[in-house]
Amino acid sequence: MSTTTTPRTSPAASSAPSAINLARTTATATRVLRQLCHDPRTIALMILIPCLMLLLLRYVFDGSPRTFDSIGASLLGIFPLITMFLVTSIATLRERTSGTLERLLAMPLGKGDLIAGYALAFGAVAVVQSVLATGLAVWALGLDVTGSAWLLLLVALLDALLGTALGLFVSAFASSEFQAVQFMPAVIFPQLLLCGLFTPRPAMHPVLEGISNVLPMSYAVDGMNEVLKHTDITTDFVRDSLIVAACALLVLTLGAATLRRRTT
């Protein structure tokens, strides 16, 4: 007589979700936002620092308003990107070093749920940050833009979300907060130099121009410049915005794939 043995599935394997679950993602985002509410210094860094940097920039060029108009729009997108990158990378790293991430992933919570929850939580903060920074630049500091301020806000928000995605991604490769900060010169500074903020990208060496063409910050700056110069939505603006959004989504996907439970 032959017996049939039913293969046993481990609890971890059976509970691992195959796709992002809305309820688990929302719960993760709520937990992260609740933690942020108890950390006023982090909130101040994410929300107020871009505004303070724009205010400082305005009075650095107090005698040359045209200069502020020409670079203020670009920096309106760059400041939130840098801030969200720094805060998100450190906050996610803390989850791993404290063991929180390992406990969460032992539950029916997939990596996609976790990354999406973090992106949702920090994305909500990015909305507040972008609204305050754009409102300050346009209505308080007199940033003169030809296009709609709402389009300026859209690009600033996409840039902040890109910074969030990059921060989540690089946190998987750091073992300490110091290492997380060290990724800024490697990930952010080259993009800052090659994005066209200091000199037009076509005027760069052909090799550097080719590199800048594959960096997302270049398209963030191009999108801001389109709003600065044109009254209507242009094809280039749509292209630049879609590229920044696609890069953010791609980096979030890579972040979910490379997320580890603990820091070794």
C-alpha atoms as a PDB file:
ATOM      1  CA  MET A   1       0.000   0.000   0.000  1.00  0.00           C
ATOM      2  CA  SER A   2       1.452   3.341  -1.001  1.00  0.00           C
ATOM      3  CA  THR A   3       0.895   6.530   0.923  1.00  0.00           C
ATOM      4  CA  THR A   4       0.842  10.010  -0.457  1.00  0.00           C
ATOM      5  CA  THR A   5       2.833  12.598   1.397  1.00  0.00           C
ATOM      6  CA  THR A   6       1.626  16.158   1.206  1.00  0.00           C
ATOM      7  CA  PRO A   7       4.519  18.606   1.023  1.00  0.00           C
ATOM      8  CA  ARG A   8       4.612  20.979   3.939  1.00  0.00           C
ATOM      9  CA  THR A   9       5.010  24.681   3.361  1.00  0.00           C
ATOM     10  CA  SER A  10       6.883  26.771   5.877  1.00  0.00           C
ATOM     11  CA  PRO A  11       4.888  29.507   7.591  1.00  0.00           C
ATOM     12  CA  ALA A  12       7.209  32.145   6.255  1.00  0.00           C
ATOM     13  CA  ALA A  13       6.749  30.974   2.696  1.00  0.00           C
ATOM     14  CA  SER A  14       3.004  30.634   2.963  1.00  0.00           C
ATOM     15  CA  SER A  15       2.559  34.019   4.528  1.00  0.00           C
ATOM     16  CA  ALA A  16       4.776  35.838   2.071  1.00  0.00           C
ATOM     17  CA  PRO A  17       2.492  37.929  -0.098  1.00  0.00           C
ATOM     18  CA  SER A  18       2.981  37.709  -3.833  1.00  0.00           C
ATOM     19  CA  ALA A  19       1.886  41.285  -4.452  1.00  0.00           C
ATOM     20  CA  ILE A  20       1.640  44.563  -2.576  1.00  0.00           C
ATOM     21  CA  ASN A  21      -1.262  44.499  -0.130  1.00  0.00           C
ATOM     22  CA  LEU A  22      -3.036  47.837   0.374  1.00  0.00           C
ATOM     23  CA  ALA A  23      -3.957  47.199   4.008  1.00  0.00           C
ATOM     24  CA  ARG A  24      -0.413  46.192   5.007  1.00  0.00           C
ATOM     25  CA  THR A  25       1.090  49.082   3.042  1.00  0.00           C
ATOM     26  CA  THR A  26      -1.249  51.584   4.693  1.00  0.00           C
ATOM     27  CA  ALA A  27      -0.507  50.160   8.138  1.00  0.00           C
ATOM     28  CA  THR A  28       3.226  50.510   7.508  1.00  0.00           C
ATOM     29  CA  ALA A  29       2.812  54.108   6.334  1.00  0.00           C
ATOM     30  CA  THR A  30       0.698  54.940   9.404  1.00  0.00           C
ATOM     31  CA  ARG A  31       3.341  53.497  11.720  1.00  0.00           C
ATOM     32  CA  VAL A  32       6.123  55.477  10.049  1.00  0.00           C
ATOM     33  CA  LEU A  33       4.126  58.720  10.208  1.00  0.00           C
ATOM     34  CA  ARG A  34       3.355  58.085  13.879  1.00  0.00           C
ATOM     35  CA  GLN A  35       7.067  57.677  14.574  1.00  0.00           C
ATOM     36  CA  LEU A  36       7.867  60.861  12.675  1.00  0.00           C
ATOM     37  CA  CYS A  37       5.345  62.781  14.775  1.00  0.00           C
ATOM     38  CA  HIS A  38       7.450  61.928  17.832  1.00  0.00           C
ATOM     39  CA  ASP A  39      10.650  63.205  16.172  1.00  0.00           C
ATOM     40  CA  PRO A  40      10.262  66.990  15.734  1.00  0.00           C
ATOM     41  CA  ARG A  41      13.885  67.435  14.644  1.00  0.00           C
ATOM     42  CA  THR A  42      13.385  65.107  11.663  1.00  0.00           C
ATOM     43  CA  ILE A  43      10.153  66.855  10.721  1.00  0.00           C
ATOM     44  CA  ALA A  44      11.893  70.228  10.916  1.00  0.00           C
ATOM     45  CA  LEU A  45      14.721  68.947   8.731  1.00  0.00           C
ATOM     46  CA  MET A  46      12.385  67.610   6.060  1.00  0.00           C
ATOM     47  CA  ILE A  47       9.895  70.480   5.963  1.00  0.00           C
ATOM     48  CA  LEU A  48      11.725  73.626   7.027  1.00  0.00           C
ATOM     49  CA  ILE A  49      15.268  73.218   5.708  1.00  0.00           C
ATOM     50  CA  PRO A  50      14.355  73.570   1.985  1.00  0.00           C
ATOM     51  CA  CYS A  51      12.366  76.702   2.840  1.00  0.00           C
ATOM     52  CA  LEU A  52      15.259  78.150   4.826  1.00  0.00           C
ATOM     53  CA  MET A  53      17.695  77.376   2.003  1.00  0.00           C
ATOM     54  CA  LEU A  54      15.471  79.159  -0.518  1.00  0.00           C
ATOM     55  CA  LEU A  55      15.139  82.127   1.829  1.00  0.00           C
ATOM     56  CA  LEU A  56      18.913  82.281   2.234  1.00  0.00           C
ATOM     57  CA  LEU A  57      19.407  81.990  -1.527  1.00  0.00           C
ATOM     58  CA  ARG A  58      16.972  84.845  -2.181  1.00  0.00           C
ATOM     59  CA  TYR A  59      18.972  87.272  -0.065  1.00  0.00           C
ATOM     60  CA  VAL A  60      22.337  85.991  -1.281  1.00  0.00           C
ATOM     61  CA  PHE A  61      21.208  87.323  -4.687  1.00  0.00           C
ATOM     62  CA  ASP A  62      19.387  90.313  -3.214  1.00  0.00           C
ATOM     63  CA  GLY A  63      21.110  92.675  -5.649  1.00  0.00           C
ATOM     64  CA  SER A  64      20.470  90.416  -8.638  1.00  0.00           C
ATOM     65  CA  PRO A  65      16.848  89.211  -8.745  1.00  0.00           C
ATOM     66  CA  ARG A  66      17.301  87.791 -12.241  1.00  0.00           C
ATOM     67  CA  THR A  67      19.941  85.396 -10.932  1.00  0.00           C
ATOM     68  CA  PHE A  68      17.552  84.170  -8.261  1.00  0.00           C
ATOM     69  CA  ASP A  69      14.872  83.676 -10.909  1.00  0.00           C
ATOM     70  CA  SER A  70      17.241  81.697 -13.134  1.00  0.00           C
ATOM     71  CA  ILE A  71      18.488  79.219 -10.517  1.00  0.00           C
ATOM     72  CA  GLY A  72      15.783  79.447  -7.848  1.00  0.00           C
ATOM     73  CA  ALA A  73      13.375  77.206  -9.763  1.00  0.00           C
ATOM     74  CA  SER A  74      16.038  74.527 -10.237  1.00  0.00           C
ATOM     75  CA  LEU A  75      17.026  74.582  -6.583  1.00  0.00           C
ATOM     76  CA  LEU A  76      13.356  74.424  -5.620  1.00  0.00           C
ATOM     77  CA  GLY A  77      13.477  70.858  -6.900  1.00  0.00           C
ATOM     78  CA  ILE A  78      17.010  69.995  -5.806  1.00  0.00           C
ATOM     79  CA  PHE A  79      16.702  71.012  -2.135  1.00  0.00           C
ATOM     80  CA  PRO A  80      13.731  68.679  -1.408  1.00  0.00           C
ATOM     81  CA  LEU A  81      15.426  65.840  -3.298  1.00  0.00           C
ATOM     82  CA  ILE A  82      18.570  66.105  -1.180  1.00  0.00           C
ATOM     83  CA  THR A  83      16.668  66.471   2.092  1.00  0.00           C
ATOM     84  CA  MET A  84      14.373  63.507   1.460  1.00  0.00           C
ATOM     85  CA  PHE A  85      17.325  61.362   0.349  1.00  0.00           C
ATOM     86  CA  LEU A  86      19.219  62.033   3.560  1.00  0.00           C
ATOM     87  CA  VAL A  87      16.323  61.574   5.981  1.00  0.00           C
ATOM     88  CA  THR A  88      14.843  58.510   4.272  1.00  0.00           C
ATOM     89  CA  SER A  89      18.143  56.638   4.021  1.00  0.00           C
ATOM     90  CA  ILE A  90      18.896  57.149   7.710  1.00  0.00           C
ATOM     91  CA  ALA A  91      15.343  56.382   8.900  1.00  0.00           C
ATOM     92  CA  THR A  92      15.205  53.119   6.936  1.00  0.00           C
ATOM     93  CA  LEU A  93      18.634  52.117   8.162  1.00  0.00           C
ATOM     94  CA  ARG A  94      17.472  52.614  11.741  1.00  0.00           C
ATOM     95  CA  GLU A  95      14.680  50.108  11.143  1.00  0.00           C
ATOM     96  CA  ARG A  96      17.283  47.493  10.256  1.00  0.00           C
ATOM     97  CA  THR A  97      19.855  48.254  12.936  1.00  0.00           C
ATOM     98  CA  SER A  98      17.208  48.292  15.681  1.00  0.00           C
ATOM     99  CA  GLY A  99      15.786  44.923  14.585  1.00  0.00           C
ATOM    100  CA  THR A 100      12.406  46.424  13.701  1.00  0.00           C
ATOM    101  CA  LEU A 101      12.703  45.402  10.063  1.00  0.00           C
ATOM    102  CA  GLU A 102      13.477  41.790  10.953  1.00  0.00           C
ATOM    103  CA  ARG A 103      10.431  41.588  13.229  1.00  0.00           C
ATOM    104  CA  LEU A 104       8.209  43.154  10.584  1.00  0.00           C
ATOM    105  CA  LEU A 105       9.319  40.791   7.833  1.00  0.00           C
ATOM    106  CA  ALA A 106       8.687  37.813  10.144  1.00  0.00           C
ATOM    107  CA  MET A 107       5.023  38.821   9.942  1.00  0.00           C
ATOM    108  CA  PRO A 108       2.817  38.556   6.817  1.00  0.00           C
ATOM    109  CA  LEU A 109       4.526  41.658   5.447  1.00  0.00           C
ATOM    110  CA  GLY A 110       6.412  41.528   2.168  1.00  0.00           C
ATOM    111  CA  LYS A 111       9.326  43.686   1.124  1.00  0.00           C
ATOM    112  CA  GLY A 112       7.112  45.394  -1.418  1.00  0.00           C
ATOM    113  CA  ASP A 113       4.592  46.272   1.308  1.00  0.00           C
ATOM    114  CA  LEU A 114       7.355  47.718   3.464  1.00  0.00           C
ATOM    115  CA  ILE A 115       8.963  49.793   0.730  1.00  0.00           C
ATOM    116  CA  ALA A 116       5.588  51.012  -0.536  1.00  0.00           C
ATOM    117  CA  GLY A 117       4.566  51.939   3.008  1.00  0.00           C
ATOM    118  CA  TYR A 118       7.720  53.951   3.542  1.00  0.00           C
ATOM    119  CA  ALA A 119       7.303  55.618   0.160  1.00  0.00           C
ATOM    120  CA  LEU A 120       3.700  56.496   1.008  1.00  0.00           C
ATOM    121  CA  ALA A 121       4.609  57.942   4.406  1.00  0.00           C
ATOM    122  CA  PHE A 122       7.556  59.996   3.231  1.00  0.00           C
ATOM    123  CA  GLY A 123       5.603  60.915   0.113  1.00  0.00           C
ATOM    124  CA  ALA A 124       2.970  62.513   2.341  1.00  0.00           C
ATOM    125  CA  VAL A 125       5.708  64.527   4.022  1.00  0.00           C
ATOM    126  CA  ALA A 126       7.094  65.406   0.584  1.00  0.00           C
ATOM    127  CA  VAL A 127       3.724  66.880  -0.389  1.00  0.00           C
ATOM    128  CA  VAL A 128       3.768  69.214   2.625  1.00  0.00           C
ATOM    129  CA  GLN A 129       7.406  70.068   1.999  1.00  0.00           C
ATOM    130  CA  SER A 130       6.854  70.847  -1.681  1.00  0.00           C
ATOM    131  CA  VAL A 131       3.748  72.958  -1.051  1.00  0.00           C
ATOM    132  CA  LEU A 132       5.525  75.089   1.571  1.00  0.00           C
ATOM    133  CA  ALA A 133       8.717  75.511  -0.474  1.00  0.00           C
ATOM    134  CA  THR A 134       6.862  76.364  -3.697  1.00  0.00           C
ATOM    135  CA  GLY A 135       4.499  78.765  -1.944  1.00  0.00           C
ATOM    136  CA  LEU A 136       7.403  80.506  -0.215  1.00  0.00           C
ATOM    137  CA  ALA A 137       9.435  80.826  -3.426  1.00  0.00           C
ATOM    138  CA  VAL A 138       6.619  82.072  -5.654  1.00  0.00           C
ATOM    139  CA  TRP A 139       4.415  84.169  -3.376  1.00  0.00           C
ATOM    140  CA  ALA A 140       6.769  85.326  -0.614  1.00  0.00           C
ATOM    141  CA  LEU A 141      10.192  85.509  -2.274  1.00  0.00           C
ATOM    142  CA  GLY A 142       8.926  86.680  -5.661  1.00  0.00           C
ATOM    143  CA  LEU A 143      10.282  83.885  -7.837  1.00  0.00           C
ATOM    144  CA  ASP A 144       9.230  84.951 -11.333  1.00  0.00           C
ATOM    145  CA  VAL A 145       8.058  81.972 -13.400  1.00  0.00           C
ATOM    146  CA  THR A 146       6.380  82.191 -16.789  1.00  0.00           C
ATOM    147  CA  GLY A 147       4.388  78.995 -16.370  1.00  0.00           C
ATOM    148  CA  SER A 148       1.931  77.891 -13.719  1.00  0.00           C
ATOM    149  CA  ALA A 149       3.040  77.621 -10.108  1.00  0.00           C
ATOM    150  CA  TRP A 150       1.087  74.344  -9.955  1.00  0.00           C
ATOM    151  CA  LEU A 151       3.419  72.826 -12.528  1.00  0.00           C
ATOM    152  CA  LEU A 152       6.348  74.030 -10.461  1.00  0.00           C
ATOM    153  CA  LEU A 153       4.800  72.290  -7.464  1.00  0.00           C
ATOM    154  CA  LEU A 154       4.341  69.088  -9.478  1.00  0.00           C
ATOM    155  CA  VAL A 155       8.019  68.899 -10.425  1.00  0.00           C
ATOM    156  CA  ALA A 156       9.106  69.758  -6.864  1.00  0.00           C
ATOM    157  CA  LEU A 157       6.939  66.909  -5.569  1.00  0.00           C
ATOM    158  CA  LEU A 158       8.321  64.449  -8.124  1.00  0.00           C
ATOM    159  CA  ASP A 159      11.851  65.471  -7.141  1.00  0.00           C
ATOM    160  CA  ALA A 160      11.094  64.923  -3.442  1.00  0.00           C
ATOM    161  CA  LEU A 161       9.654  61.489  -4.232  1.00  0.00           C
ATOM    162  CA  LEU A 162      12.772  60.681  -6.261  1.00  0.00           C
ATOM    163  CA  GLY A 163      14.911  61.619  -3.262  1.00  0.00           C
ATOM    164  CA  THR A 164      12.766  59.335  -1.094  1.00  0.00           C
ATOM    165  CA  ALA A 165      13.205  56.451  -3.532  1.00  0.00           C
ATOM    166  CA  LEU A 166      16.977  56.943  -3.731  1.00  0.00           C
ATOM    167  CA  GLY A 167      17.217  57.075   0.059  1.00  0.00           C
ATOM    168  CA  LEU A 168      15.279  53.829   0.462  1.00  0.00           C
ATOM    169  CA  PHE A 169      17.474  52.175  -2.149  1.00  0.00           C
ATOM    170  CA  VAL A 170      20.907  53.137  -0.793  1.00  0.00           C
ATOM    171  CA  SER A 171      19.933  52.300   2.805  1.00  0.00           C
ATOM    172  CA  ALA A 172      20.147  48.622   1.849  1.00  0.00           C
ATOM    173  CA  PHE A 173      23.902  48.994   1.240  1.00  0.00           C
ATOM    174  CA  ALA A 174      24.814  50.870   4.445  1.00  0.00           C
ATOM    175  CA  SER A 175      25.608  49.295   7.796  1.00  0.00           C
ATOM    176  CA  SER A 176      25.625  52.501   9.849  1.00  0.00           C
ATOM    177  CA  GLU A 177      24.173  55.985   9.729  1.00  0.00           C
ATOM    178  CA  PHE A 178      27.628  57.328   8.926  1.00  0.00           C
ATOM    179  CA  GLN A 179      27.797  55.096   5.858  1.00  0.00           C
ATOM    180  CA  ALA A 180      24.327  56.226   4.824  1.00  0.00           C
ATOM    181  CA  VAL A 181      25.508  59.843   4.874  1.00  0.00           C
ATOM    182  CA  GLN A 182      28.593  58.843   2.880  1.00  0.00           C
ATOM    183  CA  PHE A 183      26.367  57.801  -0.012  1.00  0.00           C
ATOM    184  CA  MET A 184      25.424  61.430  -0.565  1.00  0.00           C
ATOM    185  CA  PRO A 185      28.733  62.378  -2.249  1.00  0.00           C
ATOM    186  CA  ALA A 186      28.499  59.237  -4.387  1.00  0.00           C
ATOM    187  CA  VAL A 187      24.831  59.471  -5.401  1.00  0.00           C
ATOM    188  CA  ILE A 188      23.823  63.136  -5.124  1.00  0.00           C
ATOM    189  CA  PHE A 189      26.906  65.293  -5.735  1.00  0.00           C
ATOM    190  CA  PRO A 190      27.755  63.977  -9.244  1.00  0.00           C
ATOM    191  CA  GLN A 191      24.145  64.597 -10.299  1.00  0.00           C
ATOM    192  CA  LEU A 192      24.310  68.082  -8.776  1.00  0.00           C
ATOM    193  CA  LEU A 193      27.387  68.932 -10.841  1.00  0.00           C
ATOM    194  CA  LEU A 194      26.083  67.423 -14.092  1.00  0.00           C
ATOM    195  CA  CYS A 195      22.394  68.411 -13.974  1.00  0.00           C
ATOM    196  CA  GLY A 196      22.904  71.702 -15.823  1.00  0.00           C
ATOM    197  CA  LEU A 197      22.606  73.957 -12.782  1.00  0.00           C
ATOM    198  CA  PHE A 198      26.069  75.491 -13.178  1.00  0.00           C
ATOM    199  CA  THR A 199      26.444  75.307 -16.938  1.00  0.00           C
ATOM    200  CA  PRO A 200      24.186  74.131 -19.790  1.00  0.00           C
ATOM    201  CA  ARG A 201      24.601  70.411 -20.345  1.00  0.00           C
ATOM    202  CA  PRO A 202      25.313  70.776 -24.107  1.00  0.00           C
ATOM    203  CA  ALA A 203      28.316  72.949 -23.167  1.00  0.00           C
ATOM    204  CA  MET A 204      29.913  70.132 -21.151  1.00  0.00           C
ATOM    205  CA  HIS A 205      32.466  67.661 -22.419  1.00  0.00           C
ATOM    206  CA  PRO A 206      30.639  65.114 -24.621  1.00  0.00           C
ATOM    207  CA  VAL A 207      31.389  62.292 -22.160  1.00  0.00           C
ATOM    208  CA  LEU A 208      29.972  64.250 -19.234  1.00  0.00           C
ATOM    209  CA  GLU A 209      26.980  65.301 -21.303  1.00  0.00           C
ATOM    210  CA  GLY A 210      26.302  61.652 -22.107  1.00  0.00           C
ATOM    211  CA  ILE A 211      26.470  60.751 -18.410  1.00  0.00           C
ATOM    212  CA  SER A 212      24.166  63.628 -17.489  1.00  0.00           C
ATOM    213  CA  ASN A 213      21.615  62.338 -20.002  1.00  0.00           C
ATOM    214  CA  VAL A 214      21.040  59.220 -17.882  1.00  0.00           C
ATOM    215  CA  LEU A 215      20.886  60.968 -14.478  1.00  0.00           C
ATOM    216  CA  PRO A 216      17.378  61.719 -13.161  1.00  0.00           C
ATOM    217  CA  MET A 217      18.313  65.038 -11.564  1.00  0.00           C
ATOM    218  CA  SER A 218      19.103  66.401 -15.039  1.00  0.00           C
ATOM    219  CA  TYR A 219      15.483  65.926 -16.042  1.00  0.00           C
ATOM    220  CA  ALA A 220      14.278  67.397 -12.752  1.00  0.00           C
ATOM    221  CA  VAL A 221      16.181  70.599 -13.543  1.00  0.00           C
ATOM    222  CA  ASP A 222      15.021  70.556 -17.177  1.00  0.00           C
ATOM    223  CA  GLY A 223      11.412  70.247 -16.042  1.00  0.00           C
ATOM    224  CA  MET A 224      11.767  73.251 -13.732  1.00  0.00           C
ATOM    225  CA  ASN A 225      13.345  75.264 -16.543  1.00  0.00           C
ATOM    226  CA  GLU A 226      10.427  74.431 -18.835  1.00  0.00           C
ATOM    227  CA  VAL A 227       8.019  75.955 -16.295  1.00  0.00           C
ATOM    228  CA  LEU A 228      10.338  78.929 -15.912  1.00  0.00           C
ATOM    229  CA  LYS A 229      10.320  79.732 -19.649  1.00  0.00           C
ATOM    230  CA  HIS A 230       6.982  78.581 -21.080  1.00  0.00           C
ATOM    231  CA  THR A 231       3.409  79.515 -20.247  1.00  0.00           C
ATOM    232  CA  ASP A 232       1.886  76.230 -21.426  1.00  0.00           C
ATOM    233  CA  ILE A 233       2.680  72.588 -20.802  1.00  0.00           C
ATOM    234  CA  THR A 234       5.304  71.585 -23.355  1.00  0.00           C
ATOM    235  CA  THR A 235       6.205  68.190 -24.733  1.00  0.00           C
ATOM    236  CA  ASP A 236       9.620  68.467 -23.069  1.00  0.00           C
ATOM    237  CA  PHE A 237       7.971  69.171 -19.714  1.00  0.00           C
ATOM    238  CA  VAL A 238       5.819  66.044 -20.005  1.00  0.00           C
ATOM    239  CA  ARG A 239       8.848  63.986 -21.028  1.00  0.00           C
ATOM    240  CA  ASP A 240      10.992  65.285 -18.152  1.00  0.00           C
ATOM    241  CA  SER A 241       8.238  64.711 -15.582  1.00  0.00           C
ATOM    242  CA  LEU A 242       7.580  61.173 -16.799  1.00  0.00           C
ATOM    243  CA  ILE A 243      11.303  60.336 -16.700  1.00  0.00           C
ATOM    244  CA  VAL A 244      11.635  61.559 -13.099  1.00  0.00           C
ATOM    245  CA  ALA A 245       8.519  59.605 -12.066  1.00  0.00           C
ATOM    246  CA  ALA A 246       9.712  56.469 -13.884  1.00  0.00           C
ATOM    247  CA  CYS A 247      13.141  56.703 -12.242  1.00  0.00           C
ATOM    248  CA  ALA A 248      11.517  56.988  -8.807  1.00  0.00           C
ATOM    249  CA  LEU A 249       9.361  53.921  -9.497  1.00  0.00           C
ATOM    250  CA  LEU A 250      12.341  51.948 -10.832  1.00  0.00           C
ATOM    251  CA  VAL A 251      14.481  52.796  -7.805  1.00  0.00           C
ATOM    252  CA  LEU A 252      11.645  51.808  -5.431  1.00  0.00           C
ATOM    253  CA  THR A 253      11.379  48.458  -7.217  1.00  0.00           C
ATOM    254  CA  LEU A 254      15.130  47.920  -6.895  1.00  0.00           C
ATOM    255  CA  GLY A 255      14.898  48.939  -3.231  1.00  0.00           C
ATOM    256  CA  ALA A 256      12.294  46.246  -2.577  1.00  0.00           C
ATOM    257  CA  ALA A 257      14.456  43.666  -4.355  1.00  0.00           C
ATOM    258  CA  THR A 258      17.629  44.515  -2.405  1.00  0.00           C
ATOM    259  CA  LEU A 259      16.072  45.077   1.036  1.00  0.00           C
ATOM    260  CA  ARG A 260      17.727  42.974   3.738  1.00  0.00           C
ATOM    261  CA  ARG A 261      16.304  42.064   7.113  1.00  0.00           C
ATOM    262  CA  ARG A 262      19.250  43.054   9.206  1.00  0.00           C
ATOM    263  CA  THR A 263      22.564  44.855   8.985  1.00  0.00           C
ATOM    264  CA  THR A 264      25.568  42.568   9.078  1.00  0.00           C
END
